[in-house]
Amino acid sequence: MCRNIRPLHNFDPPATTEEVRSAALQYVRKISGYNKPSQVNREAFERAVDEVAHASMHLLEALQTSAPPKDREIEAAKARARSAARYAA
């Protein structure tokens, strides 16, 4: 799957609608093969993004966990450390 799509469940504060829409956009771009669709496909592309974002919001609202919420800053620092180790020369 696309590396740009990040987990959105169980964070404090919860995922915003912008984050969910960005993930939906990345997903639709990946499966359609279009980074920017043509005019003829624009409506179908945007509708797909809206529908995936809508379904994703419902999913995130319905999921339950007993784990404590993750901190966004700590998770971002971990990701930066992994990236630094991966791309160290």
PDB file of N, CA and C in Angstrom:
ATOM      1  N   MET A   1       0.839  -1.181   0.000  1.00  0.00           N
ATOM      2  CA  MET A   1       0.000   0.000   0.000  1.00  0.00           C
ATOM      3  C   MET A   1       0.879   1.237   0.000  1.00  0.00           C
ATOM      4  N   CYS A   2       0.287   2.338  -0.223  1.00  0.00           N
ATOM      5  CA  CYS A   2       0.988   3.611  -0.343  1.00  0.00           C
ATOM      6  C   CYS A   2       1.590   4.044   0.998  1.00  0.00           C
ATOM      7  N   ARG A   3       2.834   4.434   0.998  1.00  0.00           N
ATOM      8  CA  ARG A   3       3.493   4.861   2.235  1.00  0.00           C
ATOM      9  C   ARG A   3       2.922   6.156   2.783  1.00  0.00           C
ATOM     10  N   ASN A   4       2.290   6.956   1.944  1.00  0.00           N
ATOM     11  CA  ASN A   4       1.757   8.241   2.400  1.00  0.00           C
ATOM     12  C   ASN A   4       0.474   8.106   3.211  1.00  0.00           C
ATOM     13  N   ILE A   5      -0.145   6.953   3.184  1.00  0.00           N
ATOM     14  CA  ILE A   5      -1.355   6.745   3.967  1.00  0.00           C
ATOM     15  C   ILE A   5      -0.939   6.262   5.343  1.00  0.00           C
ATOM     16  N   ARG A   6      -1.259   7.040   6.354  1.00  0.00           N
ATOM     17  CA  ARG A   6      -0.860   6.747   7.728  1.00  0.00           C
ATOM     18  C   ARG A   6      -2.037   6.241   8.535  1.00  0.00           C
ATOM     19  N   PRO A   7      -1.772   5.426   9.558  1.00  0.00           N
ATOM     20  CA  PRO A   7      -2.856   5.012  10.453  1.00  0.00           C
ATOM     21  C   PRO A   7      -3.475   6.246  11.113  1.00  0.00           C
ATOM     22  N   LEU A   8      -4.789   6.252  11.238  1.00  0.00           N
ATOM     23  CA  LEU A   8      -5.501   7.398  11.813  1.00  0.00           C
ATOM     24  C   LEU A   8      -6.269   7.033  13.074  1.00  0.00           C
ATOM     25  N   HIS A   9      -6.292   5.758  13.412  1.00  0.00           N
ATOM     26  CA  HIS A   9      -7.062   5.296  14.562  1.00  0.00           C
ATOM     27  C   HIS A   9      -6.261   5.416  15.863  1.00  0.00           C
ATOM     28  N   ASN A  10      -6.957   5.773  16.930  1.00  0.00           N
ATOM     29  CA  ASN A  10      -6.437   5.786  18.295  1.00  0.00           C
ATOM     30  C   ASN A  10      -5.350   6.829  18.513  1.00  0.00           C
ATOM     31  N   PHE A  11      -5.589   8.040  18.046  1.00  0.00           N
ATOM     32  CA  PHE A  11      -4.682   9.149  18.306  1.00  0.00           C
ATOM     33  C   PHE A  11      -5.381  10.191  19.154  1.00  0.00           C
ATOM     34  N   ASP A  12      -4.591  10.911  19.922  1.00  0.00           N
ATOM     35  CA  ASP A  12      -5.106  12.014  20.711  1.00  0.00           C
ATOM     36  C   ASP A  12      -4.358  13.260  20.289  1.00  0.00           C
ATOM     37  N   PRO A  13      -4.976  14.237  19.700  1.00  0.00           N
ATOM     38  CA  PRO A  13      -6.391  14.344  19.360  1.00  0.00           C
ATOM     39  C   PRO A  13      -6.752  13.442  18.173  1.00  0.00           C
ATOM     40  N   PRO A  14      -8.046  13.134  18.035  1.00  0.00           N
ATOM     41  CA  PRO A  14      -8.486  12.251  16.944  1.00  0.00           C
ATOM     42  C   PRO A  14      -8.169  12.834  15.565  1.00  0.00           C
ATOM     43  N   ALA A  15      -8.189  11.973  14.580  1.00  0.00           N
ATOM     44  CA  ALA A  15      -7.929  12.394  13.197  1.00  0.00           C
ATOM     45  C   ALA A  15      -8.942  13.451  12.767  1.00  0.00           C
ATOM     46  N   THR A  16      -8.451  14.435  12.053  1.00  0.00           N
ATOM     47  CA  THR A  16      -9.325  15.491  11.546  1.00  0.00           C
ATOM     48  C   THR A  16      -9.929  15.070  10.217  1.00  0.00           C
ATOM     49  N   THR A  17     -10.959  15.780   9.798  1.00  0.00           N
ATOM     50  CA  THR A  17     -11.569  15.480   8.502  1.00  0.00           C
ATOM     51  C   THR A  17     -10.569  15.714   7.370  1.00  0.00           C
ATOM     52  N   GLU A  18      -9.668  16.682   7.541  1.00  0.00           N
ATOM     53  CA  GLU A  18      -8.652  16.936   6.515  1.00  0.00           C
ATOM     54  C   GLU A  18      -7.693  15.755   6.383  1.00  0.00           C
ATOM     55  N   GLU A  19      -7.303  15.162   7.526  1.00  0.00           N
ATOM     56  CA  GLU A  19      -6.419  14.004   7.482  1.00  0.00           C
ATOM     57  C   GLU A  19      -7.101  12.810   6.827  1.00  0.00           C
ATOM     58  N   VAL A  20      -8.365  12.613   7.136  1.00  0.00           N
ATOM     59  CA  VAL A  20      -9.112  11.504   6.544  1.00  0.00           C
ATOM     60  C   VAL A  20      -9.261  11.736   5.044  1.00  0.00           C
ATOM     61  N   ARG A  21      -9.565  12.952   4.639  1.00  0.00           N
ATOM     62  CA  ARG A  21      -9.715  13.256   3.212  1.00  0.00           C
ATOM     63  C   ARG A  21      -8.381  13.091   2.476  1.00  0.00           C
ATOM     64  N   SER A  22      -7.291  13.486   3.103  1.00  0.00           N
ATOM     65  CA  SER A  22      -5.970  13.306   2.479  1.00  0.00           C
ATOM     66  C   SER A  22      -5.660  11.831   2.264  1.00  0.00           C
ATOM     67  N   ALA A  23      -5.982  11.003   3.250  1.00  0.00           N
ATOM     68  CA  ALA A  23      -5.768   9.566   3.110  1.00  0.00           C
ATOM     69  C   ALA A  23      -6.659   9.003   2.003  1.00  0.00           C
ATOM     70  N   ALA A  24      -7.898   9.467   1.941  1.00  0.00           N
ATOM     71  CA  ALA A  24      -8.821   9.017   0.897  1.00  0.00           C
ATOM     72  C   ALA A  24      -8.309   9.424  -0.484  1.00  0.00           C
ATOM     73  N   LEU A  25      -7.801  10.639  -0.585  1.00  0.00           N
ATOM     74  CA  LEU A  25      -7.250  11.122  -1.852  1.00  0.00           C
ATOM     75  C   LEU A  25      -6.068  10.256  -2.283  1.00  0.00           C
ATOM     76  N   GLN A  26      -5.166   9.940  -1.355  1.00  0.00           N
ATOM     77  CA  GLN A  26      -4.021   9.089  -1.682  1.00  0.00           C
ATOM     78  C   GLN A  26      -4.468   7.706  -2.147  1.00  0.00           C
ATOM     79  N   TYR A  27      -5.477   7.166  -1.465  1.00  0.00           N
ATOM     80  CA  TYR A  27      -5.991   5.849  -1.827  1.00  0.00           C
ATOM     81  C   TYR A  27      -6.589   5.865  -3.238  1.00  0.00           C
ATOM     82  N   VAL A  28      -7.419   6.854  -3.533  1.00  0.00           N
ATOM     83  CA  VAL A  28      -8.059   6.931  -4.855  1.00  0.00           C
ATOM     84  C   VAL A  28      -7.003   7.176  -5.935  1.00  0.00           C
ATOM     85  N   ARG A  29      -6.004   8.002  -5.635  1.00  0.00           N
ATOM     86  CA  ARG A  29      -4.924   8.212  -6.595  1.00  0.00           C
ATOM     87  C   ARG A  29      -4.215   6.898  -6.895  1.00  0.00           C
ATOM     88  N   LYS A  30      -3.966   6.121  -5.855  1.00  0.00           N
ATOM     89  CA  LYS A  30      -3.236   4.864  -6.013  1.00  0.00           C
ATOM     90  C   LYS A  30      -4.018   3.876  -6.875  1.00  0.00           C
ATOM     91  N   ILE A  31      -5.299   3.674  -6.550  1.00  0.00           N
ATOM     92  CA  ILE A  31      -6.043   2.645  -7.277  1.00  0.00           C
ATOM     93  C   ILE A  31      -6.469   3.100  -8.673  1.00  0.00           C
ATOM     94  N   SER A  32      -6.617   4.430  -8.870  1.00  0.00           N
ATOM     95  CA  SER A  32      -7.030   4.905 -10.198  1.00  0.00           C
ATOM     96  C   SER A  32      -5.840   5.071 -11.136  1.00  0.00           C
ATOM     97  N   GLY A  33      -4.667   5.282 -10.568  1.00  0.00           N
ATOM     98  CA  GLY A  33      -3.495   5.529 -11.395  1.00  0.00           C
ATOM     99  C   GLY A  33      -3.371   6.972 -11.825  1.00  0.00           C
ATOM    100  N   TYR A  34      -4.262   7.834 -11.330  1.00  0.00           N
ATOM    101  CA  TYR A  34      -4.225   9.255 -11.677  1.00  0.00           C
ATOM    102  C   TYR A  34      -3.753  10.078 -10.495  1.00  0.00           C
ATOM    103  N   ASN A  35      -2.775  10.932 -10.731  1.00  0.00           N
ATOM    104  CA  ASN A  35      -2.401  11.913  -9.720  1.00  0.00           C
ATOM    105  C   ASN A  35      -3.344  13.102  -9.829  1.00  0.00           C
ATOM    106  N   LYS A  36      -3.639  13.466 -11.073  1.00  0.00           N
ATOM    107  CA  LYS A  36      -4.595  14.531 -11.364  1.00  0.00           C
ATOM    108  C   LYS A  36      -5.434  14.029 -12.540  1.00  0.00           C
ATOM    109  N   PRO A  37      -6.709  13.725 -12.291  1.00  0.00           N
ATOM    110  CA  PRO A  37      -7.530  13.152 -13.364  1.00  0.00           C
ATOM    111  C   PRO A  37      -7.859  14.174 -14.446  1.00  0.00           C
ATOM    112  N   SER A  38      -8.189  13.678 -15.624  1.00  0.00           N
ATOM    113  CA  SER A  38      -8.612  14.547 -16.719  1.00  0.00           C
ATOM    114  C   SER A  38      -9.979  15.145 -16.385  1.00  0.00           C
ATOM    115  N   GLN A  39     -10.376  16.151 -17.122  1.00  0.00           N
ATOM    116  CA  GLN A  39     -11.667  16.819 -16.900  1.00  0.00           C
ATOM    117  C   GLN A  39     -12.814  15.826 -16.988  1.00  0.00           C
ATOM    118  N   VAL A  40     -12.711  14.888 -17.925  1.00  0.00           N
ATOM    119  CA  VAL A  40     -13.783  13.917 -18.125  1.00  0.00           C
ATOM    120  C   VAL A  40     -13.921  12.982 -16.922  1.00  0.00           C
ATOM    121  N   ASN A  41     -12.826  12.735 -16.202  1.00  0.00           N
ATOM    122  CA  ASN A  41     -12.847  11.836 -15.053  1.00  0.00           C
ATOM    123  C   ASN A  41     -12.879  12.560 -13.706  1.00  0.00           C
ATOM    124  N   ARG A  42     -12.824  13.865 -13.713  1.00  0.00           N
ATOM    125  CA  ARG A  42     -12.734  14.655 -12.482  1.00  0.00           C
ATOM    126  C   ARG A  42     -13.912  14.382 -11.548  1.00  0.00           C
ATOM    127  N   GLU A  43     -15.134  14.377 -12.057  1.00  0.00           N
ATOM    128  CA  GLU A  43     -16.320  14.186 -11.214  1.00  0.00           C
ATOM    129  C   GLU A  43     -16.311  12.816 -10.541  1.00  0.00           C
ATOM    130  N   ALA A  44     -16.002  11.777 -11.304  1.00  0.00           N
ATOM    131  CA  ALA A  44     -15.958  10.426 -10.742  1.00  0.00           C
ATOM    132  C   ALA A  44     -14.845  10.313  -9.702  1.00  0.00           C
ATOM    133  N   PHE A  45     -13.719  10.939  -9.981  1.00  0.00           N
ATOM    134  CA  PHE A  45     -12.581  10.923  -9.065  1.00  0.00           C
ATOM    135  C   PHE A  45     -12.940  11.602  -7.744  1.00  0.00           C
ATOM    136  N   GLU A  46     -13.501  12.793  -7.818  1.00  0.00           N
ATOM    137  CA  GLU A  46     -13.878  13.541  -6.607  1.00  0.00           C
ATOM    138  C   GLU A  46     -14.971  12.811  -5.823  1.00  0.00           C
ATOM    139  N   ARG A  47     -15.914  12.227  -6.535  1.00  0.00           N
ATOM    140  CA  ARG A  47     -16.974  11.472  -5.863  1.00  0.00           C
ATOM    141  C   ARG A  47     -16.381  10.281  -5.115  1.00  0.00           C
ATOM    142  N   ALA A  48     -15.419   9.603  -5.726  1.00  0.00           N
ATOM    143  CA  ALA A  48     -14.762   8.468  -5.083  1.00  0.00           C
ATOM    144  C   ALA A  48     -14.012   8.918  -3.830  1.00  0.00           C
ATOM    145  N   VAL A  49     -13.325  10.038  -3.912  1.00  0.00           N
ATOM    146  CA  VAL A  49     -12.604  10.560  -2.740  1.00  0.00           C
ATOM    147  C   VAL A  49     -13.590  10.853  -1.616  1.00  0.00           C
ATOM    148  N   ASP A  50     -14.713  11.504  -1.952  1.00  0.00           N
ATOM    149  CA  ASP A  50     -15.726  11.824  -0.933  1.00  0.00           C
ATOM    150  C   ASP A  50     -16.292  10.554  -0.297  1.00  0.00           C
ATOM    151  N   GLU A  51     -16.584   9.550  -1.108  1.00  0.00           N
ATOM    152  CA  GLU A  51     -17.168   8.313  -0.591  1.00  0.00           C
ATOM    153  C   GLU A  51     -16.178   7.539   0.282  1.00  0.00           C
ATOM    154  N   VAL A  52     -14.914   7.494  -0.120  1.00  0.00           N
ATOM    155  CA  VAL A  52     -13.899   6.806   0.679  1.00  0.00           C
ATOM    156  C   VAL A  52     -13.684   7.554   1.998  1.00  0.00           C
ATOM    157  N   ALA A  53     -13.654   8.872   1.954  1.00  0.00           N
ATOM    158  CA  ALA A  53     -13.488   9.658   3.179  1.00  0.00           C
ATOM    159  C   ALA A  53     -14.672   9.450   4.116  1.00  0.00           C
ATOM    160  N   HIS A  54     -15.868   9.419   3.560  1.00  0.00           N
ATOM    161  CA  HIS A  54     -17.080   9.211   4.359  1.00  0.00           C
ATOM    162  C   HIS A  54     -17.046   7.836   5.035  1.00  0.00           C
ATOM    163  N   ALA A  55     -16.729   6.813   4.272  1.00  0.00           N
ATOM    164  CA  ALA A  55     -16.646   5.459   4.833  1.00  0.00           C
ATOM    165  C   ALA A  55     -15.543   5.375   5.886  1.00  0.00           C
ATOM    166  N   SER A  56     -14.436   6.054   5.643  1.00  0.00           N
ATOM    167  CA  SER A  56     -13.319   6.038   6.593  1.00  0.00           C
ATOM    168  C   SER A  56     -13.703   6.700   7.907  1.00  0.00           C
ATOM    169  N   MET A  57     -14.435   7.808   7.842  1.00  0.00           N
ATOM    170  CA  MET A  57     -14.885   8.475   9.069  1.00  0.00           C
ATOM    171  C   MET A  57     -15.802   7.555   9.865  1.00  0.00           C
ATOM    172  N   HIS A  58     -16.712   6.867   9.184  1.00  0.00           N
ATOM    173  CA  HIS A  58     -17.600   5.926   9.874  1.00  0.00           C
ATOM    174  C   HIS A  58     -16.791   4.807  10.531  1.00  0.00           C
ATOM    175  N   LEU A  59     -15.802   4.309   9.825  1.00  0.00           N
ATOM    176  CA  LEU A  59     -14.952   3.259  10.379  1.00  0.00           C
ATOM    177  C   LEU A  59     -14.232   3.747  11.630  1.00  0.00           C
ATOM    178  N   LEU A  60     -13.604   4.906  11.551  1.00  0.00           N
ATOM    179  CA  LEU A  60     -12.856   5.431  12.695  1.00  0.00           C
ATOM    180  C   LEU A  60     -13.760   5.672  13.898  1.00  0.00           C
ATOM    181  N   GLU A  61     -14.986   6.108  13.649  1.00  0.00           N
ATOM    182  CA  GLU A  61     -15.933   6.341  14.742  1.00  0.00           C
ATOM    183  C   GLU A  61     -16.384   5.033  15.383  1.00  0.00           C
ATOM    184  N   ALA A  62     -16.437   3.955  14.605  1.00  0.00           N
ATOM    185  CA  ALA A  62     -16.953   2.678  15.108  1.00  0.00           C
ATOM    186  C   ALA A  62     -15.890   1.826  15.795  1.00  0.00           C
ATOM    187  N   LEU A  63     -14.624   2.043  15.466  1.00  0.00           N
ATOM    188  CA  LEU A  63     -13.560   1.217  16.043  1.00  0.00           C
ATOM    189  C   LEU A  63     -13.428   1.450  17.541  1.00  0.00           C
ATOM    190  N   GLN A  64     -13.159   0.375  18.254  1.00  0.00           N
ATOM    191  CA  GLN A  64     -12.968   0.446  19.699  1.00  0.00           C
ATOM    192  C   GLN A  64     -11.634  -0.186  20.049  1.00  0.00           C
ATOM    193  N   THR A  65     -11.009   0.315  21.115  1.00  0.00           N
ATOM    194  CA  THR A  65      -9.742  -0.238  21.565  1.00  0.00           C
ATOM    195  C   THR A  65      -9.598  -0.021  23.062  1.00  0.00           C
ATOM    196  N   SER A  66      -8.831  -0.887  23.692  1.00  0.00           N
ATOM    197  CA  SER A  66      -8.546  -0.701  25.110  1.00  0.00           C
ATOM    198  C   SER A  66      -7.161  -0.090  25.300  1.00  0.00           C
ATOM    199  N   ALA A  67      -6.413   0.072  24.209  1.00  0.00           N
ATOM    200  CA  ALA A  67      -5.075   0.665  24.274  1.00  0.00           C
ATOM    201  C   ALA A  67      -5.188   2.175  24.509  1.00  0.00           C
ATOM    202  N   PRO A  68      -4.236   2.728  25.216  1.00  0.00           N
ATOM    203  CA  PRO A  68      -4.263   4.178  25.416  1.00  0.00           C
ATOM    204  C   PRO A  68      -4.004   4.894  24.085  1.00  0.00           C
ATOM    205  N   PRO A  69      -4.565   6.092  23.913  1.00  0.00           N
ATOM    206  CA  PRO A  69      -4.346   6.829  22.664  1.00  0.00           C
ATOM    207  C   PRO A  69      -2.869   7.152  22.460  1.00  0.00           C
ATOM    208  N   LYS A  70      -2.448   7.121  21.199  1.00  0.00           N
ATOM    209  CA  LYS A  70      -1.064   7.447  20.852  1.00  0.00           C
ATOM    210  C   LYS A  70      -0.922   8.959  20.732  1.00  0.00           C
ATOM    211  N   ASP A  71       0.261   9.442  21.060  1.00  0.00           N
ATOM    212  CA  ASP A  71       0.569  10.865  20.955  1.00  0.00           C
ATOM    213  C   ASP A  71       1.157  11.140  19.579  1.00  0.00           C
ATOM    214  N   ARG A  72       0.609  12.094  18.870  1.00  0.00           N
ATOM    215  CA  ARG A  72       1.058  12.390  17.499  1.00  0.00           C
ATOM    216  C   ARG A  72       2.526  12.806  17.449  1.00  0.00           C
ATOM    217  N   GLU A  73       2.960  13.616  18.407  1.00  0.00           N
ATOM    218  CA  GLU A  73       4.351  14.095  18.407  1.00  0.00           C
ATOM    219  C   GLU A  73       5.335  12.949  18.638  1.00  0.00           C
ATOM    220  N   ILE A  74       5.010  12.058  19.549  1.00  0.00           N
ATOM    221  CA  ILE A  74       5.888  10.915  19.818  1.00  0.00           C
ATOM    222  C   ILE A  74       5.958  10.007  18.599  1.00  0.00           C
ATOM    223  N   GLU A  75       4.815   9.738  17.971  1.00  0.00           N
ATOM    224  CA  GLU A  75       4.793   8.890  16.770  1.00  0.00           C
ATOM    225  C   GLU A  75       5.560   9.548  15.623  1.00  0.00           C
ATOM    226  N   ALA A  76       5.459  10.865  15.479  1.00  0.00           N
ATOM    227  CA  ALA A  76       6.199  11.575  14.428  1.00  0.00           C
ATOM    228  C   ALA A  76       7.702  11.497  14.691  1.00  0.00           C
ATOM    229  N   ALA A  77       8.107  11.612  15.950  1.00  0.00           N
ATOM    230  CA  ALA A  77       9.530  11.514  16.295  1.00  0.00           C
ATOM    231  C   ALA A  77      10.055  10.114  15.985  1.00  0.00           C
ATOM    232  N   LYS A  78       9.268   9.092  16.282  1.00  0.00           N
ATOM    233  CA  LYS A  78       9.663   7.717  15.959  1.00  0.00           C
ATOM    234  C   LYS A  78       9.828   7.549  14.451  1.00  0.00           C
ATOM    235  N   ALA A  79       8.902   8.116  13.684  1.00  0.00           N
ATOM    236  CA  ALA A  79       8.973   8.015  12.215  1.00  0.00           C
ATOM    237  C   ALA A  79      10.214   8.729  11.685  1.00  0.00           C
ATOM    238  N   ARG A  80      10.529   9.896  12.247  1.00  0.00           N
ATOM    239  CA  ARG A  80      11.734  10.620  11.820  1.00  0.00           C
ATOM    240  C   ARG A  80      12.988   9.807  12.129  1.00  0.00           C
ATOM    241  N   ALA A  81      13.021   9.162  13.290  1.00  0.00           N
ATOM    242  CA  ALA A  81      14.182   8.339  13.671  1.00  0.00           C
ATOM    243  C   ALA A  81      14.323   7.153  12.716  1.00  0.00           C
ATOM    244  N   ARG A  82      13.205   6.506  12.372  1.00  0.00           N
ATOM    245  CA  ARG A  82      13.260   5.379  11.421  1.00  0.00           C
ATOM    246  C   ARG A  82      13.751   5.857  10.059  1.00  0.00           C
ATOM    247  N   SER A  83      13.273   7.010   9.645  1.00  0.00           N
ATOM    248  CA  SER A  83      13.685   7.564   8.343  1.00  0.00           C
ATOM    249  C   SER A  83      15.163   7.916   8.343  1.00  0.00           C
ATOM    250  N   ALA A  84      15.638   8.520   9.418  1.00  0.00           N
ATOM    251  CA  ALA A  84      17.047   8.880   9.515  1.00  0.00           C
ATOM    252  C   ALA A  84      17.923   7.627   9.464  1.00  0.00           C
ATOM    253  N   ALA A  85      17.502   6.572  10.139  1.00  0.00           N
ATOM    254  CA  ALA A  85      18.272   5.329  10.129  1.00  0.00           C
ATOM    255  C   ALA A  85      18.241   4.687   8.742  1.00  0.00           C
ATOM    256  N   ARG A  86      17.103   4.760   8.078  1.00  0.00           N
ATOM    257  CA  ARG A  86      16.960   4.144   6.754  1.00  0.00           C
ATOM    258  C   ARG A  86      17.803   4.851   5.718  1.00  0.00           C
ATOM    259  N   TYR A  87      17.841   6.186   5.780  1.00  0.00           N
ATOM    260  CA  TYR A  87      18.544   6.957   4.739  1.00  0.00           C
ATOM    261  C   TYR A  87      19.896   7.474   5.170  1.00  0.00           C
ATOM    262  N   ALA A  88      20.419   6.983   6.283  1.00  0.00           N
ATOM    263  CA  ALA A  88      21.753   7.402   6.725  1.00  0.00           C
ATOM    264  C   ALA A  88      22.795   6.927   5.715  1.00  0.00           C
ATOM    265  N   ALA A  89      23.741   7.787   5.457  1.00  0.00           N
ATOM    266  CA  ALA A  89      24.762   7.446   4.441  1.00  0.00           C
ATOM    267  C   ALA A  89      25.955   6.761   5.059  1.00  0.00           C
TER     268      ALA A  89
END
